[in-house]
Amino acid sequence: LYLQAETSIMPELKRVIAAYGNKVVMEETLDKALIALFGGTGEPTPGPVTPTPDSGGQDMTIAELAQTARQYYDQANDRLRAGDWTGYGENISKLNETISRLEQLTQ
């Protein structure tokens, strides 16, 4: 949820709204929204995730995937502020892949 800032042209992120299936959550950060949506405490949980080429062959936990999603989200916003639409799109694609991996892990 972005709000138009009174002192700047750039909108300001106030809340993250995330949905999966019939569940919708609103939190202050992407990390908190993903944890609220998929459960967990943010602590590593046992059980591997099927690696993708991006993970360097390593299994990732829910907490690690949430952290990775946050990094892609932050990088996408940095690219957006810089006017780098290609970089923005690449990071959003990586964010979507990471969220898909989170979904697979929690099913």
PDB file of N, CA and C in Angstrom:
ATOM      1  N   LEU A   1       0.855  -1.161   0.000  1.00  0.00           N
ATOM      2  CA  LEU A   1       0.000   0.000   0.000  1.00  0.00           C
ATOM      3  C   LEU A   1       0.898   1.219   0.000  1.00  0.00           C
ATOM      4  N   TYR A   2       0.839   2.002  -1.035  1.00  0.00           N
ATOM      5  CA  TYR A   2       1.637   3.213  -1.136  1.00  0.00           C
ATOM      6  C   TYR A   2       0.746   4.419  -0.886  1.00  0.00           C
ATOM      7  N   LEU A   3       1.310   5.405  -0.217  1.00  0.00           N
ATOM      8  CA  LEU A   3       0.622   6.673  -0.009  1.00  0.00           C
ATOM      9  C   LEU A   3       1.453   7.774  -0.638  1.00  0.00           C
ATOM     10  N   GLN A   4       0.793   8.758  -1.223  1.00  0.00           N
ATOM     11  CA  GLN A   4       1.520   9.879  -1.787  1.00  0.00           C
ATOM     12  C   GLN A   4       2.057  10.726  -0.649  1.00  0.00           C
ATOM     13  N   ALA A   5       3.357  10.966  -0.675  1.00  0.00           N
ATOM     14  CA  ALA A   5       3.989  11.764   0.369  1.00  0.00           C
ATOM     15  C   ALA A   5       3.634  13.231   0.176  1.00  0.00           C
ATOM     16  N   GLU A   6       3.525  13.945   1.280  1.00  0.00           N
ATOM     17  CA  GLU A   6       3.190  15.364   1.198  1.00  0.00           C
ATOM     18  C   GLU A   6       4.383  16.201   0.768  1.00  0.00           C
ATOM     19  N   THR A   7       5.594  15.738   1.073  1.00  0.00           N
ATOM     20  CA  THR A   7       6.782  16.536   0.788  1.00  0.00           C
ATOM     21  C   THR A   7       7.591  16.012  -0.389  1.00  0.00           C
ATOM     22  N   SER A   8       7.123  14.960  -1.034  1.00  0.00           N
ATOM     23  CA  SER A   8       7.884  14.359  -2.124  1.00  0.00           C
ATOM     24  C   SER A   8       6.925  13.811  -3.175  1.00  0.00           C
ATOM     25  N   ILE A   9       7.435  13.685  -4.388  1.00  0.00           N
ATOM     26  CA  ILE A   9       6.629  13.112  -5.469  1.00  0.00           C
ATOM     27  C   ILE A   9       6.542  11.597  -5.340  1.00  0.00           C
ATOM     28  N   MET A  10       7.592  10.985  -4.781  1.00  0.00           N
ATOM     29  CA  MET A  10       7.641   9.523  -4.670  1.00  0.00           C
ATOM     30  C   MET A  10       6.628   9.027  -3.642  1.00  0.00           C
ATOM     31  N   PRO A  11       5.875   7.986  -3.985  1.00  0.00           N
ATOM     32  CA  PRO A  11       4.969   7.399  -2.994  1.00  0.00           C
ATOM     33  C   PRO A  11       5.777   6.707  -1.901  1.00  0.00           C
ATOM     34  N   GLU A  12       5.186   6.575  -0.741  1.00  0.00           N
ATOM     35  CA  GLU A  12       5.857   5.966   0.403  1.00  0.00           C
ATOM     36  C   GLU A  12       5.158   4.664   0.766  1.00  0.00           C
ATOM     37  N   LEU A  13       5.955   3.601   0.911  1.00  0.00           N
ATOM     38  CA  LEU A  13       5.403   2.303   1.286  1.00  0.00           C
ATOM     39  C   LEU A  13       4.990   2.347   2.747  1.00  0.00           C
ATOM     40  N   LYS A  14       3.724   2.082   3.011  1.00  0.00           N
ATOM     41  CA  LYS A  14       3.211   2.073   4.380  1.00  0.00           C
ATOM     42  C   LYS A  14       2.880   0.666   4.844  1.00  0.00           C
ATOM     43  N   ARG A  15       2.333  -0.150   3.975  1.00  0.00           N
ATOM     44  CA  ARG A  15       1.948  -1.513   4.322  1.00  0.00           C
ATOM     45  C   ARG A  15       2.127  -2.398   3.090  1.00  0.00           C
ATOM     46  N   VAL A  16       2.343  -3.675   3.355  1.00  0.00           N
ATOM     47  CA  VAL A  16       2.415  -4.675   2.292  1.00  0.00           C
ATOM     48  C   VAL A  16       1.178  -5.550   2.420  1.00  0.00           C
ATOM     49  N   ILE A  17       0.421  -5.649   1.348  1.00  0.00           N
ATOM     50  CA  ILE A  17      -0.758  -6.504   1.314  1.00  0.00           C
ATOM     51  C   ILE A  17      -0.400  -7.707   0.447  1.00  0.00           C
ATOM     52  N   ALA A  18      -0.564  -8.899   1.015  1.00  0.00           N
ATOM     53  CA  ALA A  18      -0.238 -10.127   0.288  1.00  0.00           C
ATOM     54  C   ALA A  18      -1.421 -11.078   0.379  1.00  0.00           C
ATOM     55  N   ALA A  19      -1.617 -11.839  -0.679  1.00  0.00           N
ATOM     56  CA  ALA A  19      -2.725 -12.800  -0.700  1.00  0.00           C
ATOM     57  C   ALA A  19      -2.243 -14.111  -1.284  1.00  0.00           C
ATOM     58  N   TYR A  20      -2.805 -15.197  -0.754  1.00  0.00           N
ATOM     59  CA  TYR A  20      -2.560 -16.531  -1.280  1.00  0.00           C
ATOM     60  C   TYR A  20      -3.823 -17.336  -1.035  1.00  0.00           C
ATOM     61  N   GLY A  21      -4.408 -17.839  -2.111  1.00  0.00           N
ATOM     62  CA  GLY A  21      -5.675 -18.558  -1.971  1.00  0.00           C
ATOM     63  C   GLY A  21      -6.733 -17.613  -1.419  1.00  0.00           C
ATOM     64  N   ASN A  22      -7.385 -18.013  -0.339  1.00  0.00           N
ATOM     65  CA  ASN A  22      -8.414 -17.181   0.288  1.00  0.00           C
ATOM     66  C   ASN A  22      -7.882 -16.338   1.431  1.00  0.00           C
ATOM     67  N   LYS A  23      -6.578 -16.387   1.671  1.00  0.00           N
ATOM     68  CA  LYS A  23      -5.998 -15.668   2.807  1.00  0.00           C
ATOM     69  C   LYS A  23      -5.354 -14.366   2.335  1.00  0.00           C
ATOM     70  N   VAL A  24      -5.690 -13.264   3.009  1.00  0.00           N
ATOM     71  CA  VAL A  24      -5.128 -11.951   2.716  1.00  0.00           C
ATOM     72  C   VAL A  24      -4.574 -11.384   4.014  1.00  0.00           C
ATOM     73  N   VAL A  25      -3.352 -10.839   3.948  1.00  0.00           N
ATOM     74  CA  VAL A  25      -2.738 -10.238   5.134  1.00  0.00           C
ATOM     75  C   VAL A  25      -2.215  -8.850   4.781  1.00  0.00           C
ATOM     76  N   MET A  26      -2.094  -8.002   5.801  1.00  0.00           N
ATOM     77  CA  MET A  26      -1.504  -6.679   5.630  1.00  0.00           C
ATOM     78  C   MET A  26      -0.536  -6.460   6.787  1.00  0.00           C
ATOM     79  N   GLU A  27       0.724  -6.220   6.455  1.00  0.00           N
ATOM     80  CA  GLU A  27       1.770  -6.041   7.458  1.00  0.00           C
ATOM     81  C   GLU A  27       2.647  -4.852   7.083  1.00  0.00           C
ATOM     82  N   GLU A  28       3.533  -4.470   8.002  1.00  0.00           N
ATOM     83  CA  GLU A  28       4.411  -3.324   7.781  1.00  0.00           C
ATOM     84  C   GLU A  28       5.550  -3.612   6.808  1.00  0.00           C
ATOM     85  N   THR A  29       5.982  -4.875   6.707  1.00  0.00           N
ATOM     86  CA  THR A  29       7.088  -5.233   5.821  1.00  0.00           C
ATOM     87  C   THR A  29       6.725  -6.478   5.020  1.00  0.00           C
ATOM     88  N   LEU A  30       7.472  -6.689   3.943  1.00  0.00           N
ATOM     89  CA  LEU A  30       7.263  -7.889   3.133  1.00  0.00           C
ATOM     90  C   LEU A  30       7.578  -9.138   3.945  1.00  0.00           C
ATOM     91  N   ASP A  31       8.666  -9.093   4.735  1.00  0.00           N
ATOM     92  CA  ASP A  31       9.011 -10.245   5.583  1.00  0.00           C
ATOM     93  C   ASP A  31       7.846 -10.636   6.479  1.00  0.00           C
ATOM     94  N   LYS A  32       7.282  -9.647   7.165  1.00  0.00           N
ATOM     95  CA  LYS A  32       6.180  -9.920   8.094  1.00  0.00           C
ATOM     96  C   LYS A  32       4.951 -10.433   7.352  1.00  0.00           C
ATOM     97  N   ALA A  33       4.690  -9.886   6.166  1.00  0.00           N
ATOM     98  CA  ALA A  33       3.530 -10.327   5.384  1.00  0.00           C
ATOM     99  C   ALA A  33       3.696 -11.778   4.938  1.00  0.00           C
ATOM    100  N   LEU A  34       4.899 -12.140   4.491  1.00  0.00           N
ATOM    101  CA  LEU A  34       5.130 -13.520   4.057  1.00  0.00           C
ATOM    102  C   LEU A  34       5.028 -14.494   5.219  1.00  0.00           C
ATOM    103  N   ILE A  35       5.548 -14.104   6.374  1.00  0.00           N
ATOM    104  CA  ILE A  35       5.453 -14.972   7.549  1.00  0.00           C
ATOM    105  C   ILE A  35       3.996 -15.105   7.984  1.00  0.00           C
ATOM    106  N   ALA A  36       3.244 -13.993   7.965  1.00  0.00           N
ATOM    107  CA  ALA A  36       1.829 -14.048   8.339  1.00  0.00           C
ATOM    108  C   ALA A  36       1.042 -14.902   7.342  1.00  0.00           C
ATOM    109  N   LEU A  37       1.398 -14.822   6.083  1.00  0.00           N
ATOM    110  CA  LEU A  37       0.678 -15.539   5.039  1.00  0.00           C
ATOM    111  C   LEU A  37       0.992 -17.036   5.047  1.00  0.00           C
ATOM    112  N   PHE A  38       2.267 -17.373   5.188  1.00  0.00           N
ATOM    113  CA  PHE A  38       2.681 -18.768   5.076  1.00  0.00           C
ATOM    114  C   PHE A  38       2.993 -19.419   6.413  1.00  0.00           C
ATOM    115  N   GLY A  39       2.942 -18.648   7.480  1.00  0.00           N
ATOM    116  CA  GLY A  39       3.227 -19.201   8.799  1.00  0.00           C
ATOM    117  C   GLY A  39       4.710 -19.214   9.077  1.00  0.00           C
ATOM    118  N   GLY A  40       5.037 -19.649  10.247  1.00  0.00           N
ATOM    119  CA  GLY A  40       6.440 -19.713  10.635  1.00  0.00           C
ATOM    120  C   GLY A  40       6.802 -18.559  11.537  1.00  0.00           C
ATOM    121  N   THR A  41       7.965 -18.680  12.124  1.00  0.00           N
ATOM    122  CA  THR A  41       8.438 -17.666  13.058  1.00  0.00           C
ATOM    123  C   THR A  41       9.574 -16.861  12.485  1.00  0.00           C
ATOM    124  N   GLY A  42       9.983 -17.164  11.272  1.00  0.00           N
ATOM    125  CA  GLY A  42      11.153 -16.528  10.707  1.00  0.00           C
ATOM    126  C   GLY A  42      12.416 -17.299  11.045  1.00  0.00           C
ATOM    127  N   GLU A  43      12.287 -18.328  11.875  1.00  0.00           N
ATOM    128  CA  GLU A  43      13.413 -19.185  12.227  1.00  0.00           C
ATOM    129  C   GLU A  43      13.514 -20.305  11.198  1.00  0.00           C
ATOM    130  N   PRO A  44      14.723 -20.801  10.950  1.00  0.00           N
ATOM    131  CA  PRO A  44      14.865 -21.911  10.012  1.00  0.00           C
ATOM    132  C   PRO A  44      14.042 -23.117  10.454  1.00  0.00           C
ATOM    133  N   THR A  45      13.435 -23.778   9.480  1.00  0.00           N
ATOM    134  CA  THR A  45      12.655 -24.974   9.763  1.00  0.00           C
ATOM    135  C   THR A  45      13.305 -26.156   9.064  1.00  0.00           C
ATOM    136  N   PRO A  46      13.172 -27.338   9.624  1.00  0.00           N
ATOM    137  CA  PRO A  46      13.772 -28.492   8.962  1.00  0.00           C
ATOM    138  C   PRO A  46      13.064 -28.804   7.659  1.00  0.00           C
ATOM    139  N   GLY A  47      13.783 -29.429   6.771  1.00  0.00           N
ATOM    140  CA  GLY A  47      13.188 -29.848   5.511  1.00  0.00           C
ATOM    141  C   GLY A  47      13.715 -29.030   4.366  1.00  0.00           C
ATOM    142  N   PRO A  48      14.244 -29.681   3.335  1.00  0.00           N
ATOM    143  CA  PRO A  48      14.820 -28.964   2.207  1.00  0.00           C
ATOM    144  C   PRO A  48      13.773 -28.489   1.221  1.00  0.00           C
ATOM    145  N   VAL A  49      14.163 -27.489   0.474  1.00  0.00           N
ATOM    146  CA  VAL A  49      13.379 -26.986  -0.648  1.00  0.00           C
ATOM    147  C   VAL A  49      14.091 -27.459  -1.904  1.00  0.00           C
ATOM    148  N   THR A  50      13.343 -27.835  -2.912  1.00  0.00           N
ATOM    149  CA  THR A  50      13.961 -28.229  -4.166  1.00  0.00           C
ATOM    150  C   THR A  50      14.725 -27.038  -4.720  1.00  0.00           C
ATOM    151  N   PRO A  51      16.039 -27.177  -4.922  1.00  0.00           N
ATOM    152  CA  PRO A  51      16.820 -26.030  -5.368  1.00  0.00           C
ATOM    153  C   PRO A  51      16.499 -25.635  -6.801  1.00  0.00           C
ATOM    154  N   THR A  52      16.672 -24.357  -7.084  1.00  0.00           N
ATOM    155  CA  THR A  52      16.571 -23.844  -8.442  1.00  0.00           C
ATOM    156  C   THR A  52      17.960 -23.363  -8.826  1.00  0.00           C
ATOM    157  N   PRO A  53      18.193 -23.059 -10.085  1.00  0.00           N
ATOM    158  CA  PRO A  53      19.521 -22.582 -10.472  1.00  0.00           C
ATOM    159  C   PRO A  53      19.976 -21.368  -9.671  1.00  0.00           C
ATOM    160  N   ASP A  54      19.067 -20.504  -9.256  1.00  0.00           N
ATOM    161  CA  ASP A  54      19.412 -19.311  -8.487  1.00  0.00           C
ATOM    162  C   ASP A  54      19.981 -19.634  -7.112  1.00  0.00           C
ATOM    163  N   SER A  55      19.608 -20.755  -6.516  1.00  0.00           N
ATOM    164  CA  SER A  55      20.026 -21.056  -5.150  1.00  0.00           C
ATOM    165  C   SER A  55      21.418 -21.662  -5.091  1.00  0.00           C
ATOM    166  N   GLY A  56      22.091 -21.811  -6.227  1.00  0.00           N
ATOM    167  CA  GLY A  56      23.427 -22.367  -6.223  1.00  0.00           C
ATOM    168  C   GLY A  56      23.460 -23.816  -5.775  1.00  0.00           C
ATOM    169  N   GLY A  57      22.345 -24.538  -5.912  1.00  0.00           N
ATOM    170  CA  GLY A  57      22.300 -25.934  -5.540  1.00  0.00           C
ATOM    171  C   GLY A  57      22.058 -26.170  -4.067  1.00  0.00           C
ATOM    172  N   GLN A  58      21.851 -25.112  -3.299  1.00  0.00           N
ATOM    173  CA  GLN A  58      21.629 -25.267  -1.867  1.00  0.00           C
ATOM    174  C   GLN A  58      20.142 -25.251  -1.569  1.00  0.00           C
ATOM    175  N   ASP A  59      19.736 -26.049  -0.563  1.00  0.00           N
ATOM    176  CA  ASP A  59      18.354 -26.040  -0.116  1.00  0.00           C
ATOM    177  C   ASP A  59      18.138 -24.798   0.741  1.00  0.00           C
ATOM    178  N   MET A  60      16.946 -24.215   0.669  1.00  0.00           N
ATOM    179  CA  MET A  60      16.659 -23.001   1.423  1.00  0.00           C
ATOM    180  C   MET A  60      15.449 -23.229   2.315  1.00  0.00           C
ATOM    181  N   THR A  61      15.478 -22.629   3.500  1.00  0.00           N
ATOM    182  CA  THR A  61      14.369 -22.714   4.436  1.00  0.00           C
ATOM    183  C   THR A  61      13.363 -21.607   4.136  1.00  0.00           C
ATOM    184  N   ILE A  62      12.217 -21.672   4.808  1.00  0.00           N
ATOM    185  CA  ILE A  62      11.206 -20.622   4.654  1.00  0.00           C
ATOM    186  C   ILE A  62      11.799 -19.266   5.007  1.00  0.00           C
ATOM    187  N   ALA A  63      12.534 -19.200   6.105  1.00  0.00           N
ATOM    188  CA  ALA A  63      13.122 -17.928   6.535  1.00  0.00           C
ATOM    189  C   ALA A  63      14.116 -17.402   5.501  1.00  0.00           C
ATOM    190  N   GLU A  64      14.926 -18.290   4.937  1.00  0.00           N
ATOM    191  CA  GLU A  64      15.897 -17.866   3.928  1.00  0.00           C
ATOM    192  C   GLU A  64      15.194 -17.395   2.656  1.00  0.00           C
ATOM    193  N   LEU A  65      14.137 -18.100   2.269  1.00  0.00           N
ATOM    194  CA  LEU A  65      13.374 -17.679   1.092  1.00  0.00           C
ATOM    195  C   LEU A  65      12.697 -16.336   1.336  1.00  0.00           C
ATOM    196  N   ALA A  66      12.173 -16.116   2.543  1.00  0.00           N
ATOM    197  CA  ALA A  66      11.554 -14.827   2.875  1.00  0.00           C
ATOM    198  C   ALA A  66      12.593 -13.717   2.809  1.00  0.00           C
ATOM    199  N   GLN A  67      13.789 -13.991   3.305  1.00  0.00           N
ATOM    200  CA  GLN A  67      14.865 -12.997   3.258  1.00  0.00           C
ATOM    201  C   GLN A  67      15.264 -12.711   1.806  1.00  0.00           C
ATOM    202  N   THR A  68      15.349 -13.759   0.997  1.00  0.00           N
ATOM    203  CA  THR A  68      15.672 -13.588  -0.417  1.00  0.00           C
ATOM    204  C   THR A  68      14.590 -12.770  -1.114  1.00  0.00           C
ATOM    205  N   ALA A  69      13.326 -13.057  -0.815  1.00  0.00           N
ATOM    206  CA  ALA A  69      12.217 -12.295  -1.399  1.00  0.00           C
ATOM    207  C   ALA A  69      12.340 -10.825  -1.019  1.00  0.00           C
ATOM    208  N   ARG A  70      12.667 -10.560   0.226  1.00  0.00           N
ATOM    209  CA  ARG A  70      12.825  -9.174   0.692  1.00  0.00           C
ATOM    210  C   ARG A  70      13.946  -8.476  -0.071  1.00  0.00           C
ATOM    211  N   GLN A  71      15.055  -9.187  -0.302  1.00  0.00           N
ATOM    212  CA  GLN A  71      16.180  -8.599  -1.029  1.00  0.00           C
ATOM    213  C   GLN A  71      15.778  -8.243  -2.459  1.00  0.00           C
ATOM    214  N   TYR A  72      15.078  -9.163  -3.133  1.00  0.00           N
ATOM    215  CA  TYR A  72      14.627  -8.867  -4.494  1.00  0.00           C
ATOM    216  C   TYR A  72      13.646  -7.696  -4.504  1.00  0.00           C
ATOM    217  N   TYR A  73      12.778  -7.639  -3.503  1.00  0.00           N
ATOM    218  CA  TYR A  73      11.811  -6.542  -3.391  1.00  0.00           C
ATOM    219  C   TYR A  73      12.542  -5.209  -3.211  1.00  0.00           C
ATOM    220  N   ASP A  74      13.512  -5.179  -2.292  1.00  0.00           N
ATOM    221  CA  ASP A  74      14.280  -3.949  -2.053  1.00  0.00           C
ATOM    222  C   ASP A  74      15.056  -3.534  -3.295  1.00  0.00           C
ATOM    223  N   GLN A  75      15.681  -4.515  -3.959  1.00  0.00           N
ATOM    224  CA  GLN A  75      16.440  -4.209  -5.169  1.00  0.00           C
ATOM    225  C   GLN A  75      15.522  -3.688  -6.274  1.00  0.00           C
ATOM    226  N   ALA A  76      14.336  -4.264  -6.387  1.00  0.00           N
ATOM    227  CA  ALA A  76      13.377  -3.793  -7.390  1.00  0.00           C
ATOM    228  C   ALA A  76      12.995  -2.345  -7.115  1.00  0.00           C
ATOM    229  N   ASN A  77      12.739  -2.010  -5.859  1.00  0.00           N
ATOM    230  CA  ASN A  77      12.397  -0.627  -5.519  1.00  0.00           C
ATOM    231  C   ASN A  77      13.557   0.321  -5.782  1.00  0.00           C
ATOM    232  N   ASP A  78      14.793  -0.119  -5.506  1.00  0.00           N
ATOM    233  CA  ASP A  78      15.970   0.704  -5.816  1.00  0.00           C
ATOM    234  C   ASP A  78      16.050   0.971  -7.311  1.00  0.00           C
ATOM    235  N   ARG A  79      15.826  -0.071  -8.112  1.00  0.00           N
ATOM    236  CA  ARG A  79      15.871   0.078  -9.574  1.00  0.00           C
ATOM    237  C   ARG A  79      14.738   0.986 -10.058  1.00  0.00           C
ATOM    238  N   LEU A  80      13.567   0.873  -9.435  1.00  0.00           N
ATOM    239  CA  LEU A  80      12.429   1.719  -9.798  1.00  0.00           C
ATOM    240  C   LEU A  80      12.746   3.185  -9.530  1.00  0.00           C
ATOM    241  N   ARG A  81      13.307   3.464  -8.353  1.00  0.00           N
ATOM    242  CA  ARG A  81      13.671   4.849  -8.006  1.00  0.00           C
ATOM    243  C   ARG A  81      14.726   5.408  -8.961  1.00  0.00           C
ATOM    244  N   ALA A  82      15.600   4.522  -9.456  1.00  0.00           N
ATOM    245  CA  ALA A  82      16.652   4.945 -10.372  1.00  0.00           C
ATOM    246  C   ALA A  82      16.154   5.047 -11.817  1.00  0.00           C
ATOM    247  N   GLY A  83      14.911   4.639 -12.046  1.00  0.00           N
ATOM    248  CA  GLY A  83      14.360   4.677 -13.399  1.00  0.00           C
ATOM    249  C   GLY A  83      14.858   3.540 -14.279  1.00  0.00           C
ATOM    250  N   ASP A  84      15.431   2.509 -13.675  1.00  0.00           N
ATOM    251  CA  ASP A  84      15.946   1.345 -14.401  1.00  0.00           C
ATOM    252  C   ASP A  84      14.841   0.303 -14.502  1.00  0.00           C
ATOM    253  N   TRP A  85      14.017   0.413 -15.546  1.00  0.00           N
ATOM    254  CA  TRP A  85      12.863  -0.468 -15.684  1.00  0.00           C
ATOM    255  C   TRP A  85      13.276  -1.908 -15.968  1.00  0.00           C
ATOM    256  N   THR A  86      14.390  -2.104 -16.674  1.00  0.00           N
ATOM    257  CA  THR A  86      14.865  -3.462 -16.940  1.00  0.00           C
ATOM    258  C   THR A  86      15.274  -4.142 -15.637  1.00  0.00           C
ATOM    259  N   GLY A  87      16.067  -3.446 -14.832  1.00  0.00           N
ATOM    260  CA  GLY A  87      16.484  -3.988 -13.537  1.00  0.00           C
ATOM    261  C   GLY A  87      15.306  -4.233 -12.622  1.00  0.00           C
ATOM    262  N   TYR A  88      14.334  -3.320 -12.667  1.00  0.00           N
ATOM    263  CA  TYR A  88      13.118  -3.483 -11.869  1.00  0.00           C
ATOM    264  C   TYR A  88      12.398  -4.771 -12.273  1.00  0.00           C
ATOM    265  N   GLY A  89      12.205  -4.958 -13.575  1.00  0.00           N
ATOM    266  CA  GLY A  89      11.507  -6.143 -14.068  1.00  0.00           C
ATOM    267  C   GLY A  89      12.233  -7.433 -13.733  1.00  0.00           C
ATOM    268  N   GLU A  90      13.566  -7.413 -13.837  1.00  0.00           N
ATOM    269  CA  GLU A  90      14.346  -8.608 -13.507  1.00  0.00           C
ATOM    270  C   GLU A  90      14.168  -8.987 -12.037  1.00  0.00           C
ATOM    271  N   ASN A  91      14.211  -7.994 -11.154  1.00  0.00           N
ATOM    272  CA  ASN A  91      14.060  -8.274  -9.724  1.00  0.00           C
ATOM    273  C   ASN A  91      12.642  -8.707  -9.382  1.00  0.00           C
ATOM    274  N   ILE A  92      11.642  -8.149 -10.043  1.00  0.00           N
ATOM    275  CA  ILE A  92      10.260  -8.576  -9.806  1.00  0.00           C
ATOM    276  C   ILE A  92      10.083 -10.021 -10.268  1.00  0.00           C
ATOM    277  N   SER A  93      10.703 -10.393 -11.391  1.00  0.00           N
ATOM    278  CA  SER A  93      10.631 -11.786 -11.858  1.00  0.00           C
ATOM    279  C   SER A  93      11.266 -12.731 -10.848  1.00  0.00           C
ATOM    280  N   LYS A  94      12.426 -12.342 -10.311  1.00  0.00           N
ATOM    281  CA  LYS A  94      13.093 -13.171  -9.299  1.00  0.00           C
ATOM    282  C   LYS A  94      12.254 -13.243  -8.026  1.00  0.00           C
ATOM    283  N   LEU A  95      11.605 -12.133  -7.671  1.00  0.00           N
ATOM    284  CA  LEU A  95      10.719 -12.124  -6.503  1.00  0.00           C
ATOM    285  C   LEU A  95       9.568 -13.106  -6.715  1.00  0.00           C
ATOM    286  N   ASN A  96       8.967 -13.091  -7.902  1.00  0.00           N
ATOM    287  CA  ASN A  96       7.871 -14.020  -8.205  1.00  0.00           C
ATOM    288  C   ASN A  96       8.328 -15.471  -8.123  1.00  0.00           C
ATOM    289  N   GLU A  97       9.530 -15.768  -8.632  1.00  0.00           N
ATOM    290  CA  GLU A  97      10.065 -17.132  -8.555  1.00  0.00           C
ATOM    291  C   GLU A  97      10.255 -17.552  -7.096  1.00  0.00           C
ATOM    292  N   THR A  98      10.760 -16.637  -6.277  1.00  0.00           N
ATOM    293  CA  THR A  98      10.995 -16.938  -4.864  1.00  0.00           C
ATOM    294  C   THR A  98       9.680 -17.174  -4.139  1.00  0.00           C
ATOM    295  N   ILE A  99       8.667 -16.378  -4.434  1.00  0.00           N
ATOM    296  CA  ILE A  99       7.350 -16.568  -3.816  1.00  0.00           C
ATOM    297  C   ILE A  99       6.761 -17.910  -4.249  1.00  0.00           C
ATOM    298  N   SER A 100       6.957 -18.289  -5.508  1.00  0.00           N
ATOM    299  CA  SER A 100       6.484 -19.602  -5.973  1.00  0.00           C
ATOM    300  C   SER A 100       7.161 -20.726  -5.204  1.00  0.00           C
ATOM    301  N   ARG A 101       8.446 -20.572  -4.929  1.00  0.00           N
ATOM    302  CA  ARG A 101       9.164 -21.583  -4.144  1.00  0.00           C
ATOM    303  C   ARG A 101       8.624 -21.639  -2.720  1.00  0.00           C
ATOM    304  N   LEU A 102       8.293 -20.487  -2.146  1.00  0.00           N
ATOM    305  CA  LEU A 102       7.674 -20.458  -0.813  1.00  0.00           C
ATOM    306  C   LEU A 102       6.342 -21.196  -0.830  1.00  0.00           C
ATOM    307  N   GLU A 103       5.557 -20.956  -1.871  1.00  0.00           N
ATOM    308  CA  GLU A 103       4.262 -21.630  -1.987  1.00  0.00           C
ATOM    309  C   GLU A 103       4.443 -23.141  -2.058  1.00  0.00           C
ATOM    310  N   GLN A 104       5.410 -23.603  -2.845  1.00  0.00           N
ATOM    311  CA  GLN A 104       5.661 -25.043  -2.965  1.00  0.00           C
ATOM    312  C   GLN A 104       6.063 -25.641  -1.622  1.00  0.00           C
ATOM    313  N   LEU A 105       6.868 -24.918  -0.880  1.00  0.00           N
ATOM    314  CA  LEU A 105       7.352 -25.416   0.402  1.00  0.00           C
ATOM    315  C   LEU A 105       6.240 -25.524   1.432  1.00  0.00           C
ATOM    316  N   THR A 106       5.250 -24.653   1.343  1.00  0.00           N
ATOM    317  CA  THR A 106       4.202 -24.607   2.365  1.00  0.00           C
ATOM    318  C   THR A 106       2.962 -25.402   1.987  1.00  0.00           C
ATOM    319  N   GLN A 107       2.981 -26.085   0.861  1.00  0.00           N
ATOM    320  CA  GLN A 107       1.817 -26.885   0.464  1.00  0.00           C
ATOM    321  C   GLN A 107       1.905 -28.275   1.029  1.00  0.00           C
TER     322      GLN A 107
END
